[in-house]
N, C-alpha and C. Protein backbone atom coordinates (compact mmCIF):
# COMPACT_ATOMS: atom_id res chain seq x y z
N MET A 1 -164.13 72.43 25.95
CA MET A 1 -163.36 73.57 25.49
C MET A 1 -162.49 74.05 26.66
N PRO A 2 -161.17 74.26 26.42
CA PRO A 2 -160.31 74.68 27.52
C PRO A 2 -160.64 76.10 27.97
N ARG A 3 -160.48 76.32 29.24
CA ARG A 3 -160.77 77.64 29.78
C ARG A 3 -159.58 78.55 29.55
N ARG A 4 -159.87 79.79 29.38
CA ARG A 4 -158.84 80.79 29.14
C ARG A 4 -158.13 81.11 30.44
N ARG A 5 -156.82 81.16 30.38
CA ARG A 5 -156.06 81.50 31.58
C ARG A 5 -156.19 82.98 31.88
N HIS A 6 -156.10 83.30 33.15
CA HIS A 6 -156.23 84.68 33.59
C HIS A 6 -154.94 85.44 33.29
N THR A 7 -155.05 86.52 32.54
CA THR A 7 -153.92 87.41 32.28
C THR A 7 -154.26 88.73 32.96
N PRO A 8 -153.54 89.10 34.05
CA PRO A 8 -153.88 90.32 34.77
C PRO A 8 -153.91 91.53 33.86
N GLY A 9 -154.99 92.29 33.98
CA GLY A 9 -155.13 93.51 33.22
C GLY A 9 -155.59 93.32 31.79
N ALA A 10 -155.68 92.07 31.32
CA ALA A 10 -156.11 91.82 29.95
C ALA A 10 -157.60 92.14 29.82
N PRO A 11 -158.02 92.65 28.66
CA PRO A 11 -159.44 92.94 28.48
C PRO A 11 -160.27 91.70 28.75
N GLY A 12 -161.34 91.87 29.49
CA GLY A 12 -162.21 90.76 29.83
C GLY A 12 -161.81 90.08 31.12
N ALA A 13 -160.62 90.39 31.65
CA ALA A 13 -160.17 89.80 32.91
C ALA A 13 -160.93 90.47 34.05
N PRO A 14 -161.10 89.76 35.17
CA PRO A 14 -161.86 90.34 36.29
C PRO A 14 -161.31 91.66 36.79
N ASP A 15 -159.98 91.87 36.68
CA ASP A 15 -159.39 93.10 37.19
C ASP A 15 -159.25 94.18 36.13
N ALA A 16 -159.72 93.91 34.90
CA ALA A 16 -159.64 94.90 33.83
C ALA A 16 -160.87 95.79 33.86
N PRO A 17 -160.76 97.04 33.39
CA PRO A 17 -161.92 97.91 33.34
C PRO A 17 -163.00 97.27 32.47
N GLY A 18 -164.20 97.14 33.03
CA GLY A 18 -165.31 96.54 32.30
C GLY A 18 -165.17 95.03 32.20
N GLY A 19 -164.27 94.45 32.99
CA GLY A 19 -164.02 93.01 32.92
C GLY A 19 -165.07 92.22 33.66
N GLY A 20 -164.76 90.98 34.01
CA GLY A 20 -165.73 90.08 34.59
C GLY A 20 -165.82 90.16 36.09
N GLY A 21 -165.32 91.23 36.71
CA GLY A 21 -165.37 91.37 38.15
C GLY A 21 -166.79 91.58 38.65
N ALA A 22 -166.93 91.73 39.96
CA ALA A 22 -168.24 91.87 40.56
C ALA A 22 -169.00 93.07 40.03
N ASP A 23 -168.27 94.14 39.69
CA ASP A 23 -168.94 95.34 39.19
C ASP A 23 -168.83 95.49 37.68
N GLY A 24 -168.13 94.57 36.99
CA GLY A 24 -167.88 94.70 35.56
C GLY A 24 -168.95 94.13 34.66
N GLY A 25 -169.85 93.31 35.19
CA GLY A 25 -170.92 92.79 34.38
C GLY A 25 -170.53 91.58 33.56
N GLY A 26 -169.25 91.23 33.53
CA GLY A 26 -168.82 90.01 32.87
C GLY A 26 -168.79 90.05 31.35
N LYS A 27 -168.98 91.20 30.73
CA LYS A 27 -168.97 91.28 29.28
C LYS A 27 -167.58 91.65 28.80
N ARG A 28 -167.11 90.93 27.76
CA ARG A 28 -165.84 91.28 27.13
C ARG A 28 -166.11 92.29 26.05
N HIS A 29 -165.24 93.27 25.96
CA HIS A 29 -165.37 94.30 24.93
C HIS A 29 -164.63 93.82 23.70
N GLN A 30 -165.36 93.46 22.63
CA GLN A 30 -164.71 92.98 21.43
C GLN A 30 -165.06 93.84 20.23
N GLY A 31 -165.35 95.10 20.47
CA GLY A 31 -165.66 95.99 19.37
C GLY A 31 -164.41 96.39 18.62
N LYS A 32 -164.58 97.20 17.60
CA LYS A 32 -163.45 97.62 16.78
C LYS A 32 -162.62 98.70 17.47
N THR A 33 -163.09 99.24 18.57
CA THR A 33 -162.36 100.31 19.23
C THR A 33 -161.23 99.79 20.10
N GLN A 34 -161.31 98.54 20.55
CA GLN A 34 -160.28 97.99 21.41
C GLN A 34 -160.13 96.50 21.12
N PRO A 35 -158.94 96.07 20.73
CA PRO A 35 -158.77 94.65 20.45
C PRO A 35 -158.89 93.84 21.73
N PRO A 36 -159.34 92.58 21.62
CA PRO A 36 -159.54 91.78 22.82
C PRO A 36 -158.23 91.37 23.49
N TYR A 37 -157.12 91.43 22.80
CA TYR A 37 -155.82 91.11 23.38
C TYR A 37 -154.87 92.27 23.12
N PRO A 38 -154.04 92.62 24.10
CA PRO A 38 -153.09 93.72 23.90
C PRO A 38 -152.08 93.37 22.80
N PRO A 39 -151.61 94.38 22.07
CA PRO A 39 -150.63 94.13 21.00
C PRO A 39 -149.37 93.40 21.51
N ALA A 40 -148.92 93.72 22.71
CA ALA A 40 -147.73 93.07 23.24
C ALA A 40 -147.97 91.57 23.42
N PHE A 41 -149.18 91.20 23.84
CA PHE A 41 -149.53 89.79 24.00
C PHE A 41 -149.51 89.08 22.65
N ARG A 42 -150.09 89.73 21.64
CA ARG A 42 -150.10 89.16 20.29
C ARG A 42 -148.67 88.99 19.77
N ASP A 43 -147.86 90.04 19.93
CA ASP A 43 -146.48 89.99 19.44
C ASP A 43 -145.70 88.85 20.09
N GLU A 44 -145.89 88.68 21.39
CA GLU A 44 -145.18 87.62 22.11
C GLU A 44 -145.67 86.24 21.64
N ALA A 45 -146.96 86.11 21.41
CA ALA A 45 -147.51 84.84 20.93
C ALA A 45 -146.92 84.50 19.56
N VAL A 46 -146.84 85.49 18.68
CA VAL A 46 -146.27 85.27 17.34
C VAL A 46 -144.79 84.92 17.46
N ARG A 47 -144.07 85.60 18.34
CA ARG A 47 -142.65 85.32 18.52
C ARG A 47 -142.45 83.88 19.00
N LEU A 48 -143.27 83.45 19.94
CA LEU A 48 -143.18 82.07 20.44
C LEU A 48 -143.47 81.07 19.32
N ALA A 49 -144.50 81.36 18.53
CA ALA A 49 -144.86 80.45 17.44
C ALA A 49 -143.76 80.37 16.39
N ARG A 50 -143.17 81.50 16.07
CA ARG A 50 -142.10 81.53 15.06
C ARG A 50 -140.82 80.87 15.55
N SER A 51 -140.62 80.85 16.85
CA SER A 51 -139.40 80.24 17.39
C SER A 51 -139.38 78.74 17.17
N GLY A 52 -140.55 78.14 17.02
CA GLY A 52 -140.63 76.71 16.78
C GLY A 52 -140.32 75.88 18.00
N ALA A 53 -140.30 76.49 19.18
CA ALA A 53 -139.98 75.78 20.40
C ALA A 53 -141.02 74.74 20.76
N ALA A 54 -142.25 74.95 20.30
CA ALA A 54 -143.34 74.01 20.59
C ALA A 54 -144.34 74.08 19.43
N PRO A 55 -145.16 73.06 19.29
CA PRO A 55 -146.17 73.10 18.23
C PRO A 55 -147.19 74.22 18.48
N LEU A 56 -147.79 74.72 17.40
CA LEU A 56 -148.78 75.80 17.52
C LEU A 56 -149.90 75.44 18.49
N VAL A 57 -150.33 74.20 18.43
CA VAL A 57 -151.42 73.75 19.31
C VAL A 57 -151.03 73.96 20.77
N GLN A 58 -149.81 73.58 21.12
CA GLN A 58 -149.35 73.70 22.50
C GLN A 58 -149.21 75.17 22.91
N ILE A 59 -148.64 75.97 22.04
CA ILE A 59 -148.47 77.40 22.35
C ILE A 59 -149.83 78.05 22.56
N ALA A 60 -150.76 77.78 21.65
CA ALA A 60 -152.11 78.36 21.76
C ALA A 60 -152.77 77.91 23.06
N ARG A 61 -152.65 76.62 23.39
CA ARG A 61 -153.26 76.11 24.62
C ARG A 61 -152.63 76.78 25.84
N ASP A 62 -151.30 76.91 25.85
CA ASP A 62 -150.61 77.53 26.99
C ASP A 62 -151.01 78.99 27.17
N LEU A 63 -151.28 79.68 26.06
CA LEU A 63 -151.66 81.09 26.12
C LEU A 63 -153.15 81.30 26.34
N GLY A 64 -153.92 80.22 26.22
CA GLY A 64 -155.36 80.33 26.43
C GLY A 64 -156.09 80.93 25.25
N ILE A 65 -155.56 80.72 24.05
CA ILE A 65 -156.21 81.22 22.84
C ILE A 65 -156.43 80.05 21.90
N SER A 66 -157.26 80.25 20.89
CA SER A 66 -157.49 79.17 19.94
C SER A 66 -156.33 79.10 18.95
N GLN A 67 -156.16 77.92 18.38
CA GLN A 67 -155.10 77.72 17.39
C GLN A 67 -155.37 78.59 16.17
N ASP A 68 -156.63 78.74 15.79
CA ASP A 68 -156.98 79.58 14.64
C ASP A 68 -156.63 81.04 14.89
N THR A 69 -156.86 81.50 16.10
CA THR A 69 -156.51 82.89 16.44
C THR A 69 -155.00 83.09 16.28
N LEU A 70 -154.23 82.16 16.78
CA LEU A 70 -152.78 82.27 16.67
C LEU A 70 -152.34 82.26 15.21
N ARG A 71 -152.97 81.42 14.40
CA ARG A 71 -152.63 81.37 12.97
C ARG A 71 -152.94 82.70 12.28
N VAL A 72 -154.07 83.31 12.63
CA VAL A 72 -154.43 84.61 12.05
C VAL A 72 -153.40 85.66 12.44
N TRP A 73 -152.97 85.65 13.70
CA TRP A 73 -151.96 86.61 14.15
C TRP A 73 -150.64 86.40 13.41
N ILE A 74 -150.24 85.15 13.21
CA ILE A 74 -149.00 84.86 12.49
C ILE A 74 -149.11 85.37 11.06
N LYS A 75 -150.24 85.09 10.42
CA LYS A 75 -150.45 85.53 9.04
C LYS A 75 -150.37 87.05 8.94
N GLN A 76 -151.02 87.76 9.87
CA GLN A 76 -151.00 89.22 9.85
C GLN A 76 -149.60 89.75 10.11
N ALA A 77 -148.85 89.10 10.98
CA ALA A 77 -147.46 89.52 11.23
C ALA A 77 -146.63 89.35 9.97
N GLN A 78 -146.88 88.30 9.22
CA GLN A 78 -146.17 88.08 7.96
C GLN A 78 -146.52 89.17 6.95
N VAL A 79 -147.78 89.58 6.92
CA VAL A 79 -148.21 90.66 6.02
C VAL A 79 -147.52 91.95 6.42
N GLU A 80 -147.52 92.24 7.71
CA GLU A 80 -146.90 93.47 8.21
C GLU A 80 -145.41 93.51 7.90
N ALA A 81 -144.75 92.32 7.91
CA ALA A 81 -143.31 92.25 7.66
C ALA A 81 -142.99 92.18 6.17
N GLY A 82 -144.01 92.14 5.33
CA GLY A 82 -143.79 92.07 3.90
C GLY A 82 -143.46 90.67 3.39
N GLU A 83 -143.65 89.67 4.23
CA GLU A 83 -143.35 88.29 3.86
C GLU A 83 -144.53 87.63 3.13
N ARG A 84 -145.68 88.27 3.18
CA ARG A 84 -146.90 87.69 2.61
C ARG A 84 -147.74 88.82 2.05
N GLU A 85 -148.49 88.52 0.99
CA GLU A 85 -149.36 89.55 0.42
C GLU A 85 -150.60 89.73 1.28
N GLY A 86 -151.12 90.94 1.29
CA GLY A 86 -152.33 91.25 2.04
C GLY A 86 -152.28 92.69 2.50
N LEU A 87 -153.34 93.11 3.17
CA LEU A 87 -153.42 94.48 3.68
C LEU A 87 -152.80 94.56 5.06
N THR A 88 -151.93 95.55 5.25
CA THR A 88 -151.38 95.79 6.58
C THR A 88 -152.45 96.46 7.44
N GLY A 89 -152.17 96.55 8.71
CA GLY A 89 -153.12 97.19 9.61
C GLY A 89 -153.38 98.64 9.22
N ALA A 90 -152.32 99.35 8.82
CA ALA A 90 -152.47 100.75 8.41
C ALA A 90 -153.32 100.85 7.15
N GLU A 91 -153.11 99.93 6.23
CA GLU A 91 -153.89 99.94 4.99
C GLU A 91 -155.36 99.62 5.27
N ARG A 92 -155.61 98.69 6.19
CA ARG A 92 -157.00 98.37 6.56
C ARG A 92 -157.69 99.59 7.18
N SER A 93 -156.96 100.29 8.04
CA SER A 93 -157.52 101.49 8.68
C SER A 93 -157.83 102.56 7.65
N GLU A 94 -156.90 102.76 6.72
CA GLU A 94 -157.11 103.76 5.68
C GLU A 94 -158.29 103.39 4.79
N LEU A 95 -158.40 102.12 4.44
CA LEU A 95 -159.51 101.66 3.61
C LEU A 95 -160.84 101.88 4.31
N ALA A 96 -160.90 101.57 5.59
CA ALA A 96 -162.13 101.78 6.36
C ALA A 96 -162.49 103.26 6.40
N GLN A 97 -161.49 104.11 6.62
CA GLN A 97 -161.74 105.56 6.66
C GLN A 97 -162.24 106.06 5.31
N LEU A 98 -161.62 105.61 4.24
CA LEU A 98 -162.05 106.04 2.90
C LEU A 98 -163.46 105.56 2.58
N ARG A 99 -163.80 104.36 3.02
CA ARG A 99 -165.16 103.86 2.79
C ARG A 99 -166.19 104.69 3.57
N ARG A 100 -165.83 105.06 4.80
CA ARG A 100 -166.74 105.93 5.58
C ARG A 100 -166.93 107.27 4.88
N GLU A 101 -165.82 107.88 4.45
CA GLU A 101 -165.90 109.17 3.76
C GLU A 101 -166.72 109.05 2.48
N ASN A 102 -166.54 107.97 1.75
CA ASN A 102 -167.29 107.73 0.53
C ASN A 102 -168.79 107.64 0.82
N ARG A 103 -169.15 106.92 1.89
CA ARG A 103 -170.55 106.79 2.27
C ARG A 103 -171.15 108.15 2.62
N VAL A 104 -170.41 108.97 3.37
CA VAL A 104 -170.90 110.31 3.74
C VAL A 104 -171.08 111.17 2.50
N LEU A 105 -170.12 111.13 1.60
CA LEU A 105 -170.22 111.93 0.36
C LEU A 105 -171.42 111.49 -0.49
N ARG A 106 -171.68 110.20 -0.55
CA ARG A 106 -172.85 109.72 -1.31
C ARG A 106 -174.15 110.22 -0.68
N GLU A 107 -174.21 110.19 0.66
CA GLU A 107 -175.40 110.68 1.36
C GLU A 107 -175.59 112.18 1.11
N GLU A 108 -174.49 112.93 1.19
CA GLU A 108 -174.58 114.38 0.96
C GLU A 108 -175.01 114.67 -0.48
N ARG A 109 -174.48 113.91 -1.43
CA ARG A 109 -174.86 114.10 -2.83
C ARG A 109 -176.35 113.83 -3.02
N GLU A 110 -176.86 112.80 -2.37
CA GLU A 110 -178.29 112.46 -2.48
C GLU A 110 -179.16 113.58 -1.88
N ILE A 111 -178.73 114.12 -0.75
CA ILE A 111 -179.47 115.23 -0.14
C ILE A 111 -179.49 116.43 -1.07
N LEU A 112 -178.34 116.76 -1.65
CA LEU A 112 -178.26 117.91 -2.57
C LEU A 112 -179.12 117.67 -3.82
N ARG A 113 -179.14 116.44 -4.31
CA ARG A 113 -179.97 116.11 -5.49
C ARG A 113 -181.45 116.34 -5.17
N LYS A 114 -181.88 115.88 -4.00
CA LYS A 114 -183.28 116.05 -3.61
C LYS A 114 -183.61 117.52 -3.38
N ALA A 115 -182.68 118.27 -2.79
CA ALA A 115 -182.92 119.70 -2.55
C ALA A 115 -183.01 120.44 -3.87
N THR A 116 -182.16 120.09 -4.83
CA THR A 116 -182.19 120.72 -6.14
C THR A 116 -183.53 120.46 -6.83
N ALA A 117 -183.99 119.22 -6.76
CA ALA A 117 -185.28 118.87 -7.38
C ALA A 117 -186.42 119.63 -6.70
N PHE A 118 -186.35 119.74 -5.37
CA PHE A 118 -187.40 120.43 -4.63
C PHE A 118 -187.46 121.91 -5.04
N PHE A 119 -186.31 122.57 -5.06
CA PHE A 119 -186.30 123.99 -5.40
C PHE A 119 -186.64 124.23 -6.87
N ALA A 120 -186.30 123.29 -7.73
CA ALA A 120 -186.67 123.42 -9.14
C ALA A 120 -188.19 123.36 -9.29
N ARG A 121 -188.86 122.48 -8.53
CA ARG A 121 -190.33 122.40 -8.57
C ARG A 121 -190.95 123.68 -7.98
N GLU A 122 -190.35 124.17 -6.92
CA GLU A 122 -190.87 125.38 -6.28
C GLU A 122 -190.79 126.58 -7.23
N SER A 123 -189.67 126.73 -7.92
CA SER A 123 -189.52 127.89 -8.82
C SER A 123 -190.38 127.73 -10.08
N ALA A 124 -190.69 126.53 -10.49
CA ALA A 124 -191.51 126.29 -11.67
C ALA A 124 -192.97 126.62 -11.39
N THR A 125 -193.41 126.52 -10.14
CA THR A 125 -194.81 126.79 -9.81
C THR A 125 -195.06 128.27 -9.55
N ARG A 126 -194.05 129.07 -9.53
CA ARG A 126 -194.24 130.51 -9.25
C ARG A 126 -194.17 131.34 -10.48
């Protein structure tokens, strides 16, 4: 497997906060709070791929990313540009937020249902 090239300041790089430096612990942050690659890096990779100057395999290898990753980025860029069907980044964020809100409302409804049943039993015994 080819090694990833060092991109200064990129997440997971030795000089990035929490990166693989002597004090960083070597763990890459790949949670939902911070993407593993900066948006500018992704945009440039997609621009290079769309230019057709080189095959996707070569571009991905030169950038130190997998070919599948580059294909996913191209597909998402097409969705964002309206060239392809799918959820845009904003729509994905909104959907995630609505699902969280829905989950909280269901939990609150269940708590209220149990409280109502409890107080109904309490008033029936008095």
